[in-house]
Amino acid sequence: TDKDRNTVDSARRILADKLGFAPSHLEQAFTESGPKRDPRGWSASVVYLALHPAAQLAPLQADGRVQLFDIDSLPRLAFDHLLLVEQAVKRLRAKAAYTSIVAHLLPREFTIPQMQTAFEQVTGQQVNAANFRRKILETGALKETRMVPAAYRPAQAYRLVEPLTDFGYNLF
């Protein structure tokens, strides 16, 4: 629409209209275009990664506005949309290795074990807990917030220092 200055504004507006909230993290992943993508003719898609805590989707799922699928068992999608999803997932998995992006799948405050679980789910890699803790804290991407109750002893909670920190190297 005329109120959108660019594709980022369009993505934010559409997500706010459909979801009722802004994602924790929004970034353009890639652009795909060509004459054979859609049988109706030439088309272009600007693909975004929109990340937010899963808990925000629960009410939308409960009232039927959103359906969630495991990435490995997606339903049939129109045109080349499965390829677009696969490319976006590949980008997210790669970016998880060298940035703090997985923290956007967690609540604003989270523990290191929660971040490790998100990292492992996104990347599909199991990592040693002690090594993960040491490496993620060495990045400087997290700031201590408060102690939170846990099953055995209180756990330190953290939040992101910046919306996205590039570590400058792969964690694993």
Protein backbone atom coordinates (compact mmCIF):
# COMPACT_ATOMS: atom_id res chain seq x y z
CA THR A 1 0.00 0.00 0.00
CA ASP A 2 0.98 3.65 -0.19
CA LYS A 3 1.66 3.74 3.55
CA ASP A 4 4.58 1.29 3.20
CA ARG A 5 7.89 2.98 2.38
CA ASN A 6 9.63 -0.30 1.59
CA THR A 7 9.34 -4.10 1.84
CA VAL A 8 10.35 -4.09 5.53
CA ASP A 9 7.43 -1.78 6.32
CA SER A 10 5.15 -4.05 4.30
CA ALA A 11 6.36 -7.15 6.15
CA ARG A 12 5.89 -5.46 9.54
CA ARG A 13 2.39 -4.25 8.63
CA ILE A 14 1.28 -7.63 7.27
CA LEU A 15 2.63 -9.50 10.30
CA ALA A 16 0.99 -7.04 12.70
CA ASP A 17 -2.34 -7.41 10.85
CA LYS A 18 -2.19 -11.21 10.76
CA LEU A 19 -0.55 -11.94 14.13
CA GLY A 20 -1.44 -8.94 16.24
CA PHE A 21 2.15 -8.34 17.33
CA ALA A 22 5.54 -7.44 15.91
CA PRO A 23 8.14 -10.20 15.72
CA SER A 24 11.12 -10.04 18.05
CA HIS A 25 13.42 -10.14 15.00
CA LEU A 26 12.69 -9.39 11.35
CA GLU A 27 15.23 -9.50 8.56
CA GLN A 28 15.19 -9.93 4.81
CA ALA A 29 16.58 -13.36 4.01
CA PHE A 30 16.69 -13.22 0.21
CA THR A 31 14.76 -12.31 -2.95
CA GLU A 32 13.65 -14.86 -5.51
CA SER A 33 12.27 -14.00 -8.94
CA GLY A 34 11.74 -15.40 -12.38
CA PRO A 35 9.31 -16.25 -15.16
CA LYS A 36 8.76 -19.91 -14.20
CA ARG A 37 8.02 -19.56 -10.47
CA ASP A 38 4.29 -19.10 -11.00
CA PRO A 39 2.28 -20.53 -13.93
CA ARG A 40 0.51 -17.16 -14.24
CA GLY A 41 3.78 -15.46 -15.22
CA TRP A 42 6.83 -13.70 -13.92
CA SER A 43 6.87 -13.13 -10.15
CA ALA A 44 9.12 -11.91 -7.38
CA SER A 45 9.15 -12.78 -3.68
CA VAL A 46 11.03 -11.00 -0.93
CA VAL A 47 11.50 -13.58 1.82
CA TYR A 48 11.84 -12.52 5.46
CA LEU A 49 12.77 -14.34 8.63
CA ALA A 50 10.35 -13.30 11.37
CA LEU A 51 11.30 -14.72 14.75
CA HIS A 52 9.49 -14.53 18.07
CA PRO A 53 8.93 -16.71 21.13
CA ALA A 54 6.69 -19.70 20.45
CA ALA A 55 4.46 -18.73 23.39
CA GLN A 56 3.24 -15.74 21.37
CA LEU A 57 1.81 -18.11 18.75
CA ALA A 58 -0.08 -20.33 21.22
CA PRO A 59 -3.23 -18.14 21.36
CA LEU A 60 -3.25 -17.80 17.56
CA GLN A 61 -2.92 -21.56 17.20
CA ALA A 62 -5.66 -22.17 19.78
CA ASP A 63 -8.18 -20.00 17.93
CA GLY A 64 -7.25 -21.45 14.52
CA ARG A 65 -5.61 -18.36 13.00
CA VAL A 66 -2.23 -20.11 12.73
CA GLN A 67 -1.22 -23.69 11.99
CA LEU A 68 2.25 -24.83 13.00
CA PHE A 69 4.15 -27.60 11.24
CA ASP A 70 7.42 -29.36 11.84
CA ILE A 71 9.88 -28.15 9.23
CA ASP A 72 10.47 -31.74 8.13
CA SER A 73 6.77 -32.46 7.54
CA LEU A 74 5.33 -29.40 5.84
CA PRO A 75 2.10 -29.77 3.89
CA ARG A 76 2.06 -29.25 0.14
CA LEU A 77 2.80 -25.61 -0.66
CA ALA A 78 1.95 -23.57 -3.75
CA PHE A 79 4.40 -22.97 -6.57
CA ASP A 80 8.04 -22.94 -5.36
CA HIS A 81 7.20 -21.96 -1.79
CA LEU A 82 8.68 -25.15 -0.31
CA LEU A 83 12.03 -24.16 -1.86
CA LEU A 84 11.69 -20.68 -0.38
CA VAL A 85 11.03 -22.12 3.08
CA GLU A 86 13.98 -24.51 2.73
CA GLN A 87 16.29 -21.63 1.75
CA ALA A 88 15.09 -19.53 4.69
CA VAL A 89 15.64 -22.41 7.12
CA LYS A 90 19.11 -22.99 5.69
CA ARG A 91 19.92 -19.30 6.25
CA LEU A 92 18.60 -19.39 9.82
CA ARG A 93 20.63 -22.53 10.63
CA ALA A 94 23.80 -20.98 9.23
CA LYS A 95 23.25 -17.67 10.99
CA ALA A 96 22.63 -19.46 14.31
CA ALA A 97 26.27 -20.60 14.29
CA TYR A 98 27.73 -17.08 14.26
CA THR A 99 25.07 -14.75 15.73
CA SER A 100 22.71 -14.47 18.69
CA ILE A 101 19.66 -14.94 16.42
CA VAL A 102 18.26 -18.01 18.24
CA ALA A 103 17.61 -15.87 21.34
CA HIS A 104 14.69 -14.31 19.44
CA LEU A 105 12.90 -17.65 19.73
CA LEU A 106 12.99 -17.30 23.53
CA PRO A 107 11.31 -14.99 26.04
CA ARG A 108 13.01 -11.63 26.63
CA GLU A 109 14.83 -13.15 29.62
CA PHE A 110 16.16 -16.69 29.27
CA THR A 111 18.71 -19.09 30.72
CA ILE A 112 21.76 -20.50 28.96
CA PRO A 113 20.18 -24.00 28.87
CA GLN A 114 17.12 -22.51 27.12
CA MET A 115 19.37 -20.83 24.56
CA GLN A 116 21.31 -24.06 24.08
CA THR A 117 18.06 -25.95 23.44
CA ALA A 118 17.00 -23.34 20.87
CA PHE A 119 20.43 -23.53 19.24
CA GLU A 120 20.27 -27.33 19.05
CA GLN A 121 16.73 -27.32 17.67
CA VAL A 122 17.57 -24.77 14.99
CA THR A 123 20.91 -26.23 13.93
CA GLY A 124 20.16 -29.90 14.51
CA GLN A 125 23.49 -30.21 16.36
CA GLN A 126 23.89 -31.49 19.91
CA VAL A 127 26.51 -29.49 21.83
CA ASN A 128 28.30 -29.93 25.13
CA ALA A 129 26.56 -27.79 27.78
CA ALA A 130 29.76 -26.53 29.45
CA ASN A 131 31.35 -25.61 26.11
CA PHE A 132 28.17 -23.88 24.94
CA ARG A 133 27.94 -21.84 28.15
CA ARG A 134 31.60 -20.80 27.96
CA LYS A 135 31.49 -19.92 24.25
CA ILE A 136 28.20 -18.01 24.35
CA LEU A 137 29.29 -15.97 27.38
CA GLU A 138 32.64 -15.16 25.71
CA THR A 139 30.77 -13.50 22.83
CA GLY A 140 29.54 -10.65 25.04
CA ALA A 141 26.08 -10.95 23.47
CA LEU A 142 24.30 -11.57 26.78
CA LYS A 143 23.72 -9.49 29.89
CA GLU A 144 22.82 -10.99 33.27
CA THR A 145 19.40 -9.94 34.51
CA ARG A 146 18.21 -11.86 37.58
CA MET A 147 18.13 -15.24 39.24
CA VAL A 148 15.12 -17.39 38.36
CA PRO A 149 13.77 -20.37 40.31
CA ALA A 150 14.75 -23.74 38.86
CA ALA A 151 14.25 -27.41 39.77
CA TYR A 152 17.50 -27.85 41.73
CA ARG A 153 18.94 -24.40 42.27
CA PRO A 154 18.26 -20.90 40.98
CA ALA A 155 19.47 -20.20 37.45
CA GLN A 156 20.93 -17.01 36.05
CA ALA A 157 18.70 -15.31 33.51
CA TYR A 158 20.07 -13.27 30.61
CA ARG A 159 18.86 -10.95 27.87
CA LEU A 160 20.45 -9.80 24.64
CA VAL A 161 22.78 -6.80 24.89
CA GLU A 162 22.00 -5.84 21.28
CA PRO A 163 19.13 -7.02 19.04
CA LEU A 164 21.65 -9.12 17.08
CA THR A 165 25.30 -9.77 17.82
CA ASP A 166 27.61 -11.12 15.15
CA PHE A 167 30.21 -13.20 16.99
CA GLY A 168 32.77 -12.86 14.20
CA TYR A 169 33.32 -16.63 14.22
CA ASN A 170 31.29 -19.85 14.32
CA LEU A 171 30.48 -21.14 17.80
CA PHE A 172 30.80 -24.76 16.70
